[in-house]
Amino acid sequence: MSRVSFVLFVMIGMLCSTIIAQPQCGRNQVWNSCGSACPPSCNSPSNKICTLQCVIGCQCRSGYVLNSSGECVHPSQC
């Protein structure tokens, strides 16, 4: 029983540290624990066919797209 308790305690600790350690995102970006693998960009439409896998990390806010430098900009700035 104590081994199960220890493993459970360690797993909860790892989960908490992952949640707390979210990195700071850049301008016009938000942290997303399950974002698109095919984010909209200046060079590709947002309605293209994409996989359903989750990508963890910073992604552009709604209404913004990635430019060629990897920055999130308004589509009018592409």
C-alpha atoms as a PDB file:
ATOM      1  CA  MET A   1       0.000   0.000   0.000  1.00  0.00           C
ATOM      2  CA  SER A   2       2.804   2.448   0.816  1.00  0.00           C
ATOM      3  CA  ARG A   3       4.401   1.918  -2.606  1.00  0.00           C
ATOM      4  CA  VAL A   4       1.134   2.836  -4.342  1.00  0.00           C
ATOM      5  CA  SER A   5       0.806   5.935  -2.154  1.00  0.00           C
ATOM      6  CA  PHE A   6       4.374   6.979  -2.967  1.00  0.00           C
ATOM      7  CA  VAL A   7       3.876   6.571  -6.725  1.00  0.00           C
ATOM      8  CA  LEU A   8       0.614   8.508  -6.574  1.00  0.00           C
ATOM      9  CA  PHE A   9       2.283  11.286  -4.569  1.00  0.00           C
ATOM     10  CA  VAL A  10       5.136  11.565  -7.094  1.00  0.00           C
ATOM     11  CA  MET A  11       2.724  11.667 -10.044  1.00  0.00           C
ATOM     12  CA  ILE A  12       0.648  14.431  -8.430  1.00  0.00           C
ATOM     13  CA  GLY A  13       3.827  16.401  -7.727  1.00  0.00           C
ATOM     14  CA  MET A  14       4.960  16.101 -11.341  1.00  0.00           C
ATOM     15  CA  LEU A  15       1.562  17.227 -12.607  1.00  0.00           C
ATOM     16  CA  CYS A  16       1.533  20.260 -10.311  1.00  0.00           C
ATOM     17  CA  SER A  17       5.051  21.306 -11.315  1.00  0.00           C
ATOM     18  CA  THR A  18       4.124  21.041 -14.999  1.00  0.00           C
ATOM     19  CA  ILE A  19       1.062  23.225 -14.533  1.00  0.00           C
ATOM     20  CA  ILE A  20       2.945  25.852 -12.515  1.00  0.00           C
ATOM     21  CA  ALA A  21       5.934  25.941 -14.885  1.00  0.00           C
ATOM     22  CA  GLN A  22       4.091  27.221 -17.948  1.00  0.00           C
ATOM     23  CA  PRO A  23       6.473  29.440 -19.925  1.00  0.00           C
ATOM     24  CA  GLN A  24       5.707  33.029 -20.797  1.00  0.00           C
ATOM     25  CA  CYS A  25       4.405  33.441 -24.316  1.00  0.00           C
ATOM     26  CA  GLY A  26       5.331  36.179 -26.756  1.00  0.00           C
ATOM     27  CA  ARG A  27       3.286  39.083 -28.017  1.00  0.00           C
ATOM     28  CA  ASN A  28      -0.206  38.101 -29.250  1.00  0.00           C
ATOM     29  CA  GLN A  29       0.313  34.520 -28.018  1.00  0.00           C
ATOM     30  CA  VAL A  30      -1.364  32.378 -25.368  1.00  0.00           C
ATOM     31  CA  TRP A  31      -0.324  29.125 -23.681  1.00  0.00           C
ATOM     32  CA  ASN A  32      -2.288  26.164 -24.993  1.00  0.00           C
ATOM     33  CA  SER A  33      -2.090  22.665 -23.533  1.00  0.00           C
ATOM     34  CA  CYS A  34      -3.786  21.165 -26.606  1.00  0.00           C
ATOM     35  CA  GLY A  35      -3.350  23.418 -29.611  1.00  0.00           C
ATOM     36  CA  SER A  36      -3.466  22.706 -33.316  1.00  0.00           C
ATOM     37  CA  ALA A  37      -0.563  21.029 -35.082  1.00  0.00           C
ATOM     38  CA  CYS A  38      -1.367  23.245 -38.088  1.00  0.00           C
ATOM     39  CA  PRO A  39      -1.732  26.820 -36.813  1.00  0.00           C
ATOM     40  CA  PRO A  40      -2.876  29.432 -39.326  1.00  0.00           C
ATOM     41  CA  SER A  41      -0.055  31.416 -40.900  1.00  0.00           C
ATOM     42  CA  CYS A  42       0.465  34.094 -43.516  1.00  0.00           C
ATOM     43  CA  ASN A  43       1.350  31.377 -46.037  1.00  0.00           C
ATOM     44  CA  SER A  44      -1.375  28.829 -45.300  1.00  0.00           C
ATOM     45  CA  PRO A  45      -5.134  29.070 -44.811  1.00  0.00           C
ATOM     46  CA  SER A  46      -6.691  28.221 -41.463  1.00  0.00           C
ATOM     47  CA  ASN A  47      -9.163  25.786 -43.016  1.00  0.00           C
ATOM     48  CA  LYS A  48      -6.670  23.294 -44.462  1.00  0.00           C
ATOM     49  CA  ILE A  49      -6.854  19.617 -43.537  1.00  0.00           C
ATOM     50  CA  CYS A  50      -4.846  18.896 -40.393  1.00  0.00           C
ATOM     51  CA  THR A  51      -4.217  16.082 -37.922  1.00  0.00           C
ATOM     52  CA  LEU A  52      -6.071  16.041 -34.611  1.00  0.00           C
ATOM     53  CA  GLN A  53      -2.955  15.737 -32.449  1.00  0.00           C
ATOM     54  CA  CYS A  54      -2.441  18.127 -29.528  1.00  0.00           C
ATOM     55  CA  VAL A  55       0.543  20.456 -29.534  1.00  0.00           C
ATOM     56  CA  ILE A  56       1.555  21.904 -26.174  1.00  0.00           C
ATOM     57  CA  GLY A  57       2.995  25.405 -26.169  1.00  0.00           C
ATOM     58  CA  CYS A  58       2.417  29.015 -27.130  1.00  0.00           C
ATOM     59  CA  GLN A  59       0.072  29.687 -30.020  1.00  0.00           C
ATOM     60  CA  CYS A  60      -1.326  32.810 -31.639  1.00  0.00           C
ATOM     61  CA  ARG A  61      -4.352  34.449 -30.076  1.00  0.00           C
ATOM     62  CA  SER A  62      -7.613  34.216 -31.976  1.00  0.00           C
ATOM     63  CA  GLY A  63      -7.516  36.500 -35.009  1.00  0.00           C
ATOM     64  CA  TYR A  64      -3.721  36.373 -35.390  1.00  0.00           C
ATOM     65  CA  VAL A  65      -1.510  34.273 -37.668  1.00  0.00           C
ATOM     66  CA  LEU A  66       2.167  33.307 -37.771  1.00  0.00           C
ATOM     67  CA  ASN A  67       4.406  35.306 -40.086  1.00  0.00           C
ATOM     68  CA  SER A  68       7.640  34.046 -41.664  1.00  0.00           C
ATOM     69  CA  SER A  69       9.586  35.078 -38.529  1.00  0.00           C
ATOM     70  CA  GLY A  70       7.376  32.987 -36.244  1.00  0.00           C
ATOM     71  CA  GLU A  71       5.655  36.041 -34.736  1.00  0.00           C
ATOM     72  CA  CYS A  72       1.896  36.332 -34.307  1.00  0.00           C
ATOM     73  CA  VAL A  73       0.566  39.212 -36.381  1.00  0.00           C
ATOM     74  CA  HIS A  74      -2.799  40.413 -37.631  1.00  0.00           C
ATOM     75  CA  PRO A  75      -3.470  39.005 -41.133  1.00  0.00           C
ATOM     76  CA  SER A  76      -3.365  42.557 -42.528  1.00  0.00           C
ATOM     77  CA  GLN A  77       0.350  42.668 -41.575  1.00  0.00           C
ATOM     78  CA  CYS A  78       1.321  39.609 -43.632  1.00  0.00           C
END
